[in-house]
């Protein structure tokens, strides 16, 4: 969605950014899954705000743990008291991301959170993983005009996503499951199983 952001004027003083636009009804409409035009000022401002925060996070030394933690809490809608989030990290809005306790997000995690992304406790996500809730219009004219919709992603407790995983819109991953490296998850994953491949398929149960 960043290809049209040059149309939105950026505010140099971050402390002056007005976040009241979060209450705009279009954010609720987008989360609800309807097809709609997202080339709007409200969405553009939200994207710019989040991009600025991610830039700050990614340019803050790993040793500055308290400072990094504060930025993460400013980005996310909610997150537990114990987590590790390596840089670089990227997301679209940030406020639609809700994460539980003992979370690990490895290098180059990208979350496109136009819909809710809910992650439970004890979830480990490997490097170069993408969680995407957004679907652009299939018709090229509509797509070029900014028509899109979104579907939520839910990852339950004790899930491990290995490296280079892609989770597509609307997917739920059940408790205790594992997604193998390089997988593209196109449909729900049952609890307690290992899946892998493109598209990801059942391999075996975690516990026999």
N, C-alpha and C. Protein backbone atom coordinates (compact mmCIF):
# COMPACT_ATOMS: atom_id res chain seq x y z
N UNK A 1 0.81 -1.21 0.00
CA UNK A 1 0.00 0.00 0.00
C UNK A 1 0.85 1.27 0.00
N UNK A 2 2.17 1.14 0.03
CA UNK A 2 3.00 2.33 0.20
C UNK A 2 3.24 3.07 -1.09
N UNK A 3 2.76 2.56 -2.25
CA UNK A 3 3.11 3.18 -3.51
C UNK A 3 2.41 4.52 -3.73
N UNK A 4 1.41 4.82 -2.95
CA UNK A 4 0.72 6.10 -3.13
C UNK A 4 0.98 7.07 -1.98
N UNK A 5 1.89 6.71 -1.10
CA UNK A 5 2.07 7.53 0.10
C UNK A 5 2.71 8.87 -0.20
N UNK A 6 3.37 8.99 -1.36
CA UNK A 6 3.96 10.29 -1.67
C UNK A 6 2.89 11.35 -1.87
N UNK A 7 1.62 10.93 -1.96
CA UNK A 7 0.53 11.90 -2.06
C UNK A 7 0.15 12.48 -0.69
N UNK A 8 0.67 11.87 0.37
CA UNK A 8 0.30 12.29 1.72
C UNK A 8 1.45 13.08 2.31
N UNK A 9 1.19 14.29 2.76
CA UNK A 9 2.25 15.12 3.34
C UNK A 9 2.68 14.56 4.67
N UNK A 10 4.00 14.44 4.87
CA UNK A 10 4.54 13.92 6.11
C UNK A 10 4.74 15.07 7.10
N UNK A 11 4.51 14.77 8.38
CA UNK A 11 4.72 15.76 9.43
C UNK A 11 6.12 15.56 9.99
N UNK A 12 6.91 16.63 10.03
CA UNK A 12 8.29 16.53 10.48
C UNK A 12 8.38 16.32 11.98
N UNK A 13 7.48 16.93 12.73
CA UNK A 13 7.51 16.81 14.18
C UNK A 13 6.60 15.66 14.59
N UNK A 14 7.20 14.51 14.93
CA UNK A 14 6.41 13.31 15.24
C UNK A 14 5.49 13.54 16.42
N UNK A 15 5.92 14.37 17.38
CA UNK A 15 5.09 14.62 18.56
C UNK A 15 3.79 15.33 18.21
N UNK A 16 3.76 15.93 17.00
CA UNK A 16 2.57 16.67 16.59
C UNK A 16 1.59 15.82 15.81
N UNK A 17 1.92 14.55 15.59
CA UNK A 17 1.04 13.69 14.80
C UNK A 17 -0.28 13.47 15.53
N UNK A 18 -1.38 13.72 14.83
CA UNK A 18 -2.71 13.56 15.40
C UNK A 18 -3.19 12.14 15.14
N UNK A 19 -3.43 11.37 16.21
CA UNK A 19 -3.86 9.98 16.04
C UNK A 19 -5.38 9.84 16.22
N UNK A 20 -6.10 10.94 16.25
CA UNK A 20 -7.55 10.86 16.40
C UNK A 20 -8.20 10.17 15.20
N UNK A 21 -7.50 10.14 14.05
CA UNK A 21 -8.06 9.51 12.87
C UNK A 21 -8.25 8.02 13.04
N UNK A 22 -7.63 7.44 14.09
CA UNK A 22 -7.82 6.00 14.35
C UNK A 22 -9.30 5.68 14.56
N UNK A 23 -10.08 6.66 15.00
CA UNK A 23 -11.51 6.44 15.26
C UNK A 23 -12.36 6.54 13.99
N UNK A 24 -11.74 6.80 12.84
CA UNK A 24 -12.49 6.93 11.60
C UNK A 24 -13.18 5.59 11.29
N UNK A 25 -14.46 5.63 10.90
CA UNK A 25 -15.20 4.37 10.67
C UNK A 25 -14.62 3.51 9.55
N UNK A 26 -13.83 4.08 8.65
CA UNK A 26 -13.27 3.28 7.56
C UNK A 26 -12.31 2.21 8.07
N UNK A 27 -11.67 2.42 9.22
CA UNK A 27 -10.81 1.38 9.77
C UNK A 27 -11.64 0.16 10.21
N UNK A 28 -12.80 0.43 10.80
CA UNK A 28 -13.70 -0.67 11.17
C UNK A 28 -14.24 -1.36 9.93
N UNK A 29 -14.57 -0.60 8.90
CA UNK A 29 -15.08 -1.19 7.66
C UNK A 29 -14.03 -2.10 7.04
N UNK A 30 -12.79 -1.67 7.02
CA UNK A 30 -11.73 -2.48 6.42
C UNK A 30 -11.52 -3.76 7.22
N UNK A 31 -11.56 -3.66 8.55
CA UNK A 31 -11.42 -4.86 9.38
C UNK A 31 -12.58 -5.83 9.19
N UNK A 32 -13.74 -5.31 8.78
CA UNK A 32 -14.93 -6.16 8.64
C UNK A 32 -14.89 -7.02 7.39
N UNK A 33 -13.96 -6.75 6.48
CA UNK A 33 -13.81 -7.59 5.31
C UNK A 33 -14.52 -7.11 4.06
N UNK A 34 -15.09 -5.91 4.07
CA UNK A 34 -15.77 -5.41 2.87
C UNK A 34 -14.74 -4.91 1.86
N UNK A 35 -15.10 -4.98 0.58
CA UNK A 35 -14.28 -4.38 -0.46
C UNK A 35 -14.47 -2.87 -0.42
N UNK A 36 -13.36 -2.12 -0.45
CA UNK A 36 -13.47 -0.67 -0.32
C UNK A 36 -12.23 0.00 -0.89
N UNK A 37 -12.37 1.30 -1.12
CA UNK A 37 -11.25 2.11 -1.59
C UNK A 37 -10.37 2.49 -0.41
N UNK A 38 -9.10 2.10 -0.46
CA UNK A 38 -8.18 2.42 0.64
C UNK A 38 -7.17 3.50 0.28
N UNK A 39 -7.34 4.14 -0.89
CA UNK A 39 -6.47 5.26 -1.25
C UNK A 39 -7.08 6.54 -0.67
N UNK A 40 -7.05 6.63 0.67
CA UNK A 40 -7.65 7.77 1.35
C UNK A 40 -6.64 8.43 2.27
N UNK A 41 -6.95 9.65 2.67
CA UNK A 41 -6.05 10.38 3.55
C UNK A 41 -5.90 9.69 4.90
N UNK A 42 -7.00 9.14 5.43
CA UNK A 42 -6.95 8.49 6.74
C UNK A 42 -6.00 7.28 6.72
N UNK A 43 -6.14 6.45 5.71
CA UNK A 43 -5.26 5.29 5.62
C UNK A 43 -3.82 5.72 5.36
N UNK A 44 -3.65 6.73 4.53
CA UNK A 44 -2.30 7.21 4.26
C UNK A 44 -1.59 7.73 5.50
N UNK A 45 -2.32 8.46 6.35
CA UNK A 45 -1.73 8.98 7.58
C UNK A 45 -1.36 7.86 8.53
N UNK A 46 -2.22 6.84 8.59
CA UNK A 46 -1.93 5.70 9.47
C UNK A 46 -0.68 4.95 9.00
N UNK A 47 -0.55 4.78 7.68
CA UNK A 47 0.61 4.09 7.13
C UNK A 47 1.90 4.87 7.39
N UNK A 48 1.84 6.18 7.20
CA UNK A 48 3.02 7.02 7.42
C UNK A 48 3.43 6.98 8.88
N UNK A 49 2.45 7.11 9.79
CA UNK A 49 2.77 7.06 11.22
C UNK A 49 3.47 5.76 11.57
N UNK A 50 2.92 4.63 11.08
CA UNK A 50 3.50 3.34 11.42
C UNK A 50 4.88 3.16 10.77
N UNK A 51 5.03 3.63 9.55
CA UNK A 51 6.33 3.52 8.89
C UNK A 51 7.39 4.31 9.64
N UNK A 52 7.02 5.49 10.13
CA UNK A 52 7.96 6.28 10.94
C UNK A 52 8.37 5.53 12.21
N UNK A 53 7.38 4.92 12.89
CA UNK A 53 7.68 4.18 14.11
C UNK A 53 8.56 2.97 13.83
N UNK A 54 8.27 2.25 12.75
CA UNK A 54 9.12 1.11 12.40
C UNK A 54 10.53 1.55 12.05
N UNK A 55 10.65 2.69 11.40
CA UNK A 55 11.98 3.24 11.11
C UNK A 55 12.74 3.52 12.39
N UNK A 56 12.04 4.12 13.36
CA UNK A 56 12.68 4.38 14.66
C UNK A 56 13.13 3.09 15.31
N UNK A 57 12.25 2.09 15.32
CA UNK A 57 12.59 0.81 15.92
C UNK A 57 13.80 0.19 15.25
N UNK A 58 13.80 0.17 13.94
CA UNK A 58 14.86 -0.50 13.18
C UNK A 58 16.18 0.24 13.23
N UNK A 59 16.15 1.48 13.69
CA UNK A 59 17.39 2.25 13.81
C UNK A 59 17.77 2.50 15.27
N UNK A 60 17.15 1.77 16.17
CA UNK A 60 17.50 1.82 17.59
C UNK A 60 18.35 0.61 17.93
N UNK A 61 19.47 0.84 18.61
CA UNK A 61 20.40 -0.24 18.91
C UNK A 61 19.71 -1.38 19.68
N UNK A 62 20.05 -2.63 19.36
CA UNK A 62 19.48 -3.76 20.12
C UNK A 62 19.74 -3.67 21.61
N UNK A 63 20.86 -3.04 21.99
CA UNK A 63 21.18 -2.92 23.41
C UNK A 63 20.26 -1.93 24.14
N UNK A 64 19.56 -1.09 23.41
CA UNK A 64 18.63 -0.12 24.01
C UNK A 64 17.26 -0.80 24.20
N UNK A 65 17.23 -1.79 25.09
CA UNK A 65 16.06 -2.65 25.20
C UNK A 65 14.82 -1.91 25.65
N UNK A 66 14.96 -1.03 26.64
CA UNK A 66 13.78 -0.32 27.14
C UNK A 66 13.23 0.62 26.08
N UNK A 67 14.12 1.29 25.36
CA UNK A 67 13.68 2.20 24.31
C UNK A 67 12.97 1.43 23.18
N UNK A 68 13.54 0.30 22.79
CA UNK A 68 12.92 -0.51 21.76
C UNK A 68 11.56 -1.05 22.21
N UNK A 69 11.49 -1.49 23.46
CA UNK A 69 10.23 -2.00 23.99
C UNK A 69 9.14 -0.93 23.95
N UNK A 70 9.51 0.29 24.29
CA UNK A 70 8.54 1.38 24.29
C UNK A 70 8.03 1.66 22.88
N UNK A 71 8.91 1.59 21.88
CA UNK A 71 8.48 1.82 20.50
C UNK A 71 7.55 0.71 20.04
N UNK A 72 7.89 -0.55 20.38
CA UNK A 72 7.02 -1.66 20.01
C UNK A 72 5.62 -1.47 20.59
N UNK A 73 5.55 -1.05 21.84
CA UNK A 73 4.24 -0.86 22.47
C UNK A 73 3.48 0.30 21.83
N UNK A 74 4.22 1.25 21.27
CA UNK A 74 3.56 2.34 20.55
C UNK A 74 3.03 1.87 19.20
N UNK A 75 3.72 0.90 18.61
CA UNK A 75 3.29 0.37 17.31
C UNK A 75 2.11 -0.57 17.46
N UNK A 76 2.23 -1.57 18.35
CA UNK A 76 1.25 -2.65 18.44
C UNK A 76 0.00 -2.19 19.19
N UNK A 77 -1.11 -2.86 18.87
CA UNK A 77 -2.33 -2.63 19.64
C UNK A 77 -2.18 -3.12 21.06
N UNK A 78 -1.53 -4.28 21.23
CA UNK A 78 -1.22 -4.81 22.57
C UNK A 78 -0.15 -5.88 22.41
N UNK A 79 0.63 -6.06 23.48
CA UNK A 79 1.66 -7.10 23.50
C UNK A 79 1.98 -7.42 24.96
N UNK A 80 2.37 -8.67 25.22
CA UNK A 80 2.65 -9.10 26.58
C UNK A 80 3.87 -8.44 27.18
N UNK A 81 4.16 -8.79 28.42
CA UNK A 81 5.27 -8.16 29.15
C UNK A 81 6.62 -8.70 28.73
N UNK A 82 6.66 -9.90 28.12
CA UNK A 82 7.92 -10.54 27.75
C UNK A 82 7.89 -10.85 26.26
N UNK A 83 8.81 -10.25 25.51
CA UNK A 83 8.87 -10.51 24.07
C UNK A 83 10.25 -10.13 23.53
N UNK A 84 10.56 -10.69 22.36
CA UNK A 84 11.76 -10.33 21.61
C UNK A 84 11.32 -10.04 20.18
N UNK A 85 11.67 -8.88 19.67
CA UNK A 85 11.35 -8.53 18.29
C UNK A 85 12.62 -7.96 17.65
N UNK A 86 13.22 -8.75 16.77
CA UNK A 86 14.45 -8.33 16.12
C UNK A 86 14.15 -7.38 14.96
N UNK A 87 15.15 -6.58 14.62
CA UNK A 87 15.06 -5.71 13.45
C UNK A 87 15.76 -6.38 12.27
N UNK A 88 15.32 -6.07 11.04
CA UNK A 88 14.23 -5.14 10.74
C UNK A 88 12.85 -5.77 10.93
N UNK A 89 11.91 -4.92 11.30
CA UNK A 89 10.51 -5.30 11.43
C UNK A 89 9.68 -4.28 10.67
N UNK A 90 8.63 -4.76 9.99
CA UNK A 90 7.77 -3.85 9.24
C UNK A 90 6.30 -4.26 9.43
N UNK A 91 5.43 -3.28 9.50
CA UNK A 91 3.99 -3.54 9.49
C UNK A 91 3.29 -2.35 8.87
N UNK A 92 1.97 -2.47 8.63
CA UNK A 92 1.24 -1.40 7.95
C UNK A 92 0.63 -0.41 8.94
N UNK A 93 -0.28 -0.86 9.79
CA UNK A 93 -0.92 0.02 10.76
C UNK A 93 -0.36 -0.17 12.17
N UNK A 94 -0.10 -1.42 12.54
CA UNK A 94 0.44 -1.71 13.87
C UNK A 94 -0.63 -1.89 14.92
N UNK A 95 -1.62 -0.99 14.94
CA UNK A 95 -2.62 -1.04 16.01
C UNK A 95 -3.58 -2.22 15.88
N UNK A 96 -3.55 -2.91 14.75
CA UNK A 96 -4.37 -4.13 14.60
C UNK A 96 -3.63 -5.39 15.02
N UNK A 97 -2.42 -5.26 15.54
CA UNK A 97 -1.62 -6.42 15.95
C UNK A 97 -1.74 -6.59 17.47
N UNK A 98 -2.12 -7.80 17.91
CA UNK A 98 -2.28 -8.10 19.33
C UNK A 98 -1.52 -9.39 19.63
N UNK A 99 -0.58 -9.33 20.57
CA UNK A 99 0.36 -10.42 20.81
C UNK A 99 0.37 -10.76 22.29
N UNK A 100 0.48 -12.06 22.59
CA UNK A 100 0.50 -12.51 23.97
C UNK A 100 1.89 -12.51 24.58
N UNK A 101 2.09 -13.37 25.59
CA UNK A 101 3.35 -13.43 26.32
C UNK A 101 4.38 -14.32 25.61
N UNK A 102 5.64 -14.01 25.90
CA UNK A 102 6.77 -14.84 25.47
C UNK A 102 6.80 -14.99 23.95
N UNK A 103 6.73 -13.88 23.26
CA UNK A 103 6.72 -13.83 21.81
C UNK A 103 8.14 -13.64 21.28
N UNK A 104 8.48 -14.34 20.21
CA UNK A 104 9.73 -14.12 19.51
C UNK A 104 9.44 -13.87 18.04
N UNK A 105 9.80 -12.70 17.55
CA UNK A 105 9.71 -12.36 16.14
C UNK A 105 11.11 -12.16 15.61
N UNK A 106 11.57 -13.04 14.73
CA UNK A 106 12.95 -13.00 14.27
C UNK A 106 13.11 -11.96 13.15
N UNK A 107 14.34 -11.89 12.62
CA UNK A 107 14.71 -10.85 11.67
C UNK A 107 13.79 -10.82 10.44
N UNK A 108 13.44 -9.59 10.05
CA UNK A 108 12.70 -9.34 8.81
C UNK A 108 11.29 -9.92 8.83
N UNK A 109 10.63 -9.78 9.97
CA UNK A 109 9.21 -10.12 10.08
C UNK A 109 8.38 -8.97 9.51
N UNK A 110 7.42 -9.29 8.64
CA UNK A 110 6.52 -8.30 8.06
C UNK A 110 5.09 -8.71 8.36
N UNK A 111 4.32 -7.76 8.91
CA UNK A 111 2.91 -8.02 9.21
C UNK A 111 2.07 -6.94 8.54
N UNK A 112 1.28 -7.33 7.56
CA UNK A 112 0.39 -6.40 6.88
C UNK A 112 -0.98 -6.51 7.55
N UNK A 113 -1.21 -5.59 8.48
CA UNK A 113 -2.31 -5.74 9.44
C UNK A 113 -3.49 -4.83 9.14
N UNK A 114 -4.01 -4.87 7.93
CA UNK A 114 -5.23 -4.13 7.65
C UNK A 114 -6.42 -4.73 8.40
N UNK A 115 -6.40 -6.02 8.65
CA UNK A 115 -7.34 -6.68 9.56
C UNK A 115 -6.58 -7.07 10.82
N UNK A 116 -7.30 -7.57 11.82
CA UNK A 116 -6.66 -7.97 13.07
C UNK A 116 -5.70 -9.13 12.85
N UNK A 117 -4.55 -9.04 13.50
CA UNK A 117 -3.61 -10.16 13.59
C UNK A 117 -3.46 -10.46 15.07
N UNK A 118 -3.94 -11.62 15.48
CA UNK A 118 -3.93 -11.99 16.90
C UNK A 118 -3.02 -13.19 17.09
N UNK A 119 -2.01 -13.00 17.94
CA UNK A 119 -0.97 -14.00 18.18
C UNK A 119 -0.98 -14.35 19.66
N UNK A 120 -1.05 -15.64 19.98
CA UNK A 120 -1.16 -16.07 21.36
C UNK A 120 0.15 -16.08 22.11
N UNK A 121 0.19 -16.85 23.20
CA UNK A 121 1.38 -16.95 24.05
C UNK A 121 2.36 -17.98 23.47
N UNK A 122 3.65 -17.73 23.74
CA UNK A 122 4.70 -18.69 23.38
C UNK A 122 4.73 -18.99 21.88
N UNK A 123 4.62 -17.95 21.09
CA UNK A 123 4.68 -18.09 19.63
C UNK A 123 6.06 -17.65 19.15
N UNK A 124 6.71 -18.52 18.38
CA UNK A 124 8.02 -18.24 17.81
C UNK A 124 7.87 -18.11 16.30
N UNK A 125 8.36 -17.00 15.75
CA UNK A 125 8.28 -16.76 14.31
C UNK A 125 9.69 -16.59 13.76
N UNK A 126 10.04 -17.42 12.79
CA UNK A 126 11.37 -17.41 12.21
C UNK A 126 11.60 -16.24 11.27
N UNK A 127 12.86 -16.07 10.82
CA UNK A 127 13.21 -14.93 9.97
C UNK A 127 12.53 -14.96 8.61
N UNK A 128 12.36 -13.76 8.05
CA UNK A 128 11.82 -13.58 6.69
C UNK A 128 10.40 -14.12 6.53
N UNK A 129 9.61 -13.94 7.57
CA UNK A 129 8.22 -14.41 7.55
C UNK A 129 7.27 -13.23 7.30
N UNK A 130 6.20 -13.50 6.56
CA UNK A 130 5.19 -12.48 6.26
C UNK A 130 3.81 -12.97 6.67
N UNK A 131 3.10 -12.15 7.42
CA UNK A 131 1.70 -12.37 7.74
C UNK A 131 0.90 -11.29 7.01
N UNK A 132 0.06 -11.68 6.07
CA UNK A 132 -0.62 -10.69 5.24
C UNK A 132 -2.13 -10.85 5.33
N UNK A 133 -2.81 -9.77 5.75
CA UNK A 133 -4.28 -9.79 5.84
C UNK A 133 -4.94 -9.14 4.63
N UNK A 134 -4.19 -8.51 3.76
CA UNK A 134 -4.78 -7.66 2.72
C UNK A 134 -4.95 -8.43 1.42
N UNK A 135 -6.06 -8.17 0.72
CA UNK A 135 -6.34 -8.75 -0.59
C UNK A 135 -6.68 -7.59 -1.54
N UNK A 136 -5.86 -7.41 -2.57
CA UNK A 136 -6.16 -6.39 -3.57
C UNK A 136 -7.20 -6.93 -4.55
N UNK A 137 -7.95 -6.03 -5.15
CA UNK A 137 -9.00 -6.42 -6.09
C UNK A 137 -8.42 -7.25 -7.24
N UNK A 138 -9.18 -8.23 -7.71
CA UNK A 138 -8.73 -9.09 -8.80
C UNK A 138 -8.80 -8.36 -10.13
N UNK A 139 -9.78 -7.51 -10.30
CA UNK A 139 -9.91 -6.71 -11.52
C UNK A 139 -8.86 -5.61 -11.51
N UNK A 140 -8.09 -5.50 -12.58
CA UNK A 140 -6.95 -4.57 -12.58
C UNK A 140 -7.40 -3.11 -12.44
N UNK A 141 -8.52 -2.72 -13.06
CA UNK A 141 -8.97 -1.34 -12.94
C UNK A 141 -9.35 -1.02 -11.50
N UNK A 142 -10.06 -1.95 -10.86
CA UNK A 142 -10.41 -1.74 -9.45
C UNK A 142 -9.15 -1.73 -8.57
N UNK A 143 -8.22 -2.66 -8.86
CA UNK A 143 -6.99 -2.72 -8.08
C UNK A 143 -6.21 -1.42 -8.20
N UNK A 144 -6.10 -0.89 -9.41
CA UNK A 144 -5.36 0.36 -9.61
C UNK A 144 -6.05 1.55 -8.96
N UNK A 145 -7.36 1.42 -8.74
CA UNK A 145 -8.12 2.49 -8.09
C UNK A 145 -8.10 2.37 -6.57
N UNK A 146 -7.44 1.33 -6.03
CA UNK A 146 -7.29 1.21 -4.58
C UNK A 146 -8.31 0.34 -3.89
N UNK A 147 -9.05 -0.48 -4.66
CA UNK A 147 -10.07 -1.34 -4.05
C UNK A 147 -9.39 -2.58 -3.45
N UNK A 148 -9.70 -2.85 -2.20
CA UNK A 148 -9.12 -4.01 -1.50
C UNK A 148 -10.02 -4.38 -0.33
N UNK A 149 -9.74 -5.56 0.24
CA UNK A 149 -10.42 -5.98 1.45
C UNK A 149 -9.40 -6.68 2.34
N UNK A 150 -9.81 -7.07 3.53
CA UNK A 150 -8.87 -7.73 4.44
C UNK A 150 -9.58 -8.83 5.22
N UNK A 151 -8.79 -9.83 5.62
CA UNK A 151 -9.29 -10.91 6.45
C UNK A 151 -8.30 -11.16 7.58
N UNK A 152 -8.78 -11.43 8.80
CA UNK A 152 -7.89 -11.54 9.96
C UNK A 152 -7.05 -12.80 9.93
N UNK A 153 -5.95 -12.75 10.66
CA UNK A 153 -5.08 -13.91 10.89
C UNK A 153 -5.03 -14.16 12.39
N UNK A 154 -5.18 -15.44 12.76
CA UNK A 154 -5.10 -15.82 14.17
C UNK A 154 -4.07 -16.94 14.33
N UNK A 155 -3.13 -16.74 15.25
CA UNK A 155 -2.12 -17.75 15.57
C UNK A 155 -2.26 -18.07 17.05
N UNK A 156 -2.64 -19.31 17.36
CA UNK A 156 -2.90 -19.69 18.74
C UNK A 156 -1.60 -19.96 19.51
N UNK A 157 -1.75 -20.31 20.78
CA UNK A 157 -0.61 -20.50 21.68
C UNK A 157 0.33 -21.61 21.19
N UNK A 158 1.62 -21.44 21.53
CA UNK A 158 2.62 -22.50 21.35
C UNK A 158 2.85 -22.90 19.90
N UNK A 159 2.70 -21.95 19.00
CA UNK A 159 2.93 -22.20 17.58
C UNK A 159 4.35 -21.77 17.21
N UNK A 160 4.97 -22.54 16.31
CA UNK A 160 6.27 -22.19 15.76
C UNK A 160 6.15 -22.09 14.24
N UNK A 161 6.44 -20.91 13.71
CA UNK A 161 6.57 -20.72 12.28
C UNK A 161 8.06 -20.67 11.97
N UNK A 162 8.57 -21.59 11.16
CA UNK A 162 9.97 -21.61 10.81
C UNK A 162 10.27 -20.47 9.82
N UNK A 163 11.47 -20.44 9.28
CA UNK A 163 11.88 -19.31 8.45
C UNK A 163 11.17 -19.29 7.09
N UNK A 164 11.04 -18.07 6.54
CA UNK A 164 10.51 -17.87 5.18
C UNK A 164 9.09 -18.41 5.00
N UNK A 165 8.26 -18.23 6.02
CA UNK A 165 6.86 -18.65 5.96
C UNK A 165 6.00 -17.47 5.52
N UNK A 166 4.99 -17.75 4.71
CA UNK A 166 3.98 -16.76 4.34
C UNK A 166 2.62 -17.26 4.81
N UNK A 167 1.92 -16.44 5.58
CA UNK A 167 0.57 -16.77 6.04
C UNK A 167 -0.40 -15.82 5.34
N UNK A 168 -1.36 -16.36 4.62
CA UNK A 168 -2.26 -15.56 3.80
C UNK A 168 -3.51 -15.13 4.58
N UNK A 169 -4.27 -14.17 4.02
CA UNK A 169 -5.43 -13.62 4.72
C UNK A 169 -6.45 -14.68 5.13
N UNK A 170 -7.01 -14.50 6.33
CA UNK A 170 -8.09 -15.34 6.81
C UNK A 170 -7.67 -16.64 7.46
N UNK A 171 -6.37 -16.88 7.60
CA UNK A 171 -5.87 -18.15 8.11
C UNK A 171 -5.84 -18.16 9.64
N UNK A 172 -6.22 -19.30 10.22
CA UNK A 172 -6.06 -19.57 11.64
C UNK A 172 -5.12 -20.75 11.80
N UNK A 173 -4.12 -20.62 12.68
CA UNK A 173 -3.18 -21.70 12.96
C UNK A 173 -3.44 -22.19 14.38
N UNK A 174 -3.77 -23.47 14.51
CA UNK A 174 -4.19 -24.03 15.78
C UNK A 174 -3.06 -24.19 16.78
N UNK A 175 -3.45 -24.34 18.04
CA UNK A 175 -2.51 -24.39 19.15
C UNK A 175 -1.50 -25.54 18.98
N UNK A 176 -0.23 -25.21 19.24
CA UNK A 176 0.83 -26.21 19.25
C UNK A 176 1.30 -26.68 17.89
N UNK A 177 0.85 -26.06 16.83
CA UNK A 177 1.24 -26.51 15.50
C UNK A 177 2.55 -25.89 15.04
N UNK A 178 3.16 -26.51 14.04
CA UNK A 178 4.44 -26.08 13.48
C UNK A 178 4.29 -25.94 11.98
N UNK A 179 4.80 -24.84 11.45
CA UNK A 179 4.80 -24.62 10.00
C UNK A 179 6.24 -24.66 9.52
N UNK A 180 6.53 -25.58 8.60
CA UNK A 180 7.89 -25.78 8.13
C UNK A 180 8.42 -24.62 7.31
N UNK A 181 9.75 -24.55 7.21
CA UNK A 181 10.42 -23.47 6.50
C UNK A 181 9.98 -23.40 5.04
N UNK A 182 9.80 -22.17 4.55
CA UNK A 182 9.45 -21.95 3.16
C UNK A 182 8.01 -22.24 2.80
N UNK A 183 7.15 -22.40 3.78
CA UNK A 183 5.76 -22.77 3.50
C UNK A 183 4.89 -21.54 3.20
N UNK A 184 3.87 -21.77 2.39
CA UNK A 184 2.83 -20.77 2.15
C UNK A 184 1.53 -21.33 2.69
N UNK A 185 1.01 -20.71 3.74
CA UNK A 185 -0.17 -21.24 4.44
C UNK A 185 -1.40 -20.55 3.86
N UNK A 186 -2.19 -21.32 3.12
CA UNK A 186 -3.35 -20.77 2.41
C UNK A 186 -4.67 -21.08 3.08
N UNK A 187 -4.67 -22.02 4.05
CA UNK A 187 -5.91 -22.39 4.73
C UNK A 187 -5.60 -22.73 6.18
N UNK A 188 -6.66 -22.88 6.98
CA UNK A 188 -6.49 -23.10 8.42
C UNK A 188 -5.66 -24.36 8.70
N UNK A 189 -4.90 -24.27 9.80
CA UNK A 189 -4.08 -25.38 10.26
C UNK A 189 -4.66 -25.89 11.57
N UNK A 190 -4.91 -27.19 11.64
CA UNK A 190 -5.48 -27.76 12.85
C UNK A 190 -4.48 -27.71 14.00
N UNK A 191 -4.95 -27.82 15.24
CA UNK A 191 -4.04 -27.84 16.38
C UNK A 191 -3.15 -29.08 16.37
N UNK A 192 -1.92 -28.92 16.85
CA UNK A 192 -1.05 -30.05 17.11
C UNK A 192 -0.53 -30.80 15.91
N UNK A 193 -0.36 -30.09 14.78
CA UNK A 193 0.14 -30.77 13.58
C UNK A 193 1.34 -30.02 13.01
N UNK A 194 2.07 -30.71 12.15
CA UNK A 194 3.15 -30.10 11.38
C UNK A 194 2.70 -30.02 9.93
N UNK A 195 2.79 -28.82 9.35
CA UNK A 195 2.47 -28.63 7.94
C UNK A 195 3.67 -28.02 7.24
N UNK A 196 3.78 -28.23 5.93
CA UNK A 196 4.88 -27.66 5.17
C UNK A 196 4.53 -27.70 3.69
N UNK A 197 5.20 -26.85 2.93
CA UNK A 197 5.05 -26.85 1.48
C UNK A 197 4.32 -25.63 0.97
N UNK A 198 4.15 -25.59 -0.36
CA UNK A 198 3.45 -24.50 -1.04
C UNK A 198 2.45 -25.11 -2.02
N UNK A 199 1.16 -25.12 -1.64
CA UNK A 199 0.60 -24.67 -0.36
C UNK A 199 0.93 -25.64 0.76
N UNK A 200 0.90 -25.15 2.01
CA UNK A 200 1.24 -25.99 3.16
C UNK A 200 0.25 -27.14 3.30
N UNK A 201 0.78 -28.34 3.50
CA UNK A 201 -0.04 -29.55 3.66
C UNK A 201 0.36 -30.28 4.93
N UNK A 202 -0.57 -31.10 5.41
CA UNK A 202 -0.32 -31.90 6.61
C UNK A 202 0.86 -32.84 6.37
N UNK A 203 1.81 -32.84 7.35
CA UNK A 203 2.95 -33.75 7.31
C UNK A 203 2.77 -34.85 8.35
N UNK A 204 2.55 -34.45 9.60
CA UNK A 204 2.33 -35.43 10.65
C UNK A 204 1.84 -34.70 11.89
N UNK A 205 1.40 -35.46 12.89
CA UNK A 205 1.04 -34.87 14.17
C UNK A 205 2.31 -34.53 14.95
N UNK A 206 2.21 -33.46 15.73
CA UNK A 206 3.36 -33.10 16.56
C UNK A 206 3.68 -34.22 17.55
N UNK A 207 2.63 -34.76 18.19
CA UNK A 207 2.80 -35.87 19.12
C UNK A 207 2.08 -37.09 18.58
N UNK A 208 2.79 -38.21 18.46
CA UNK A 208 2.21 -39.44 17.95
C UNK A 208 1.54 -40.23 19.08
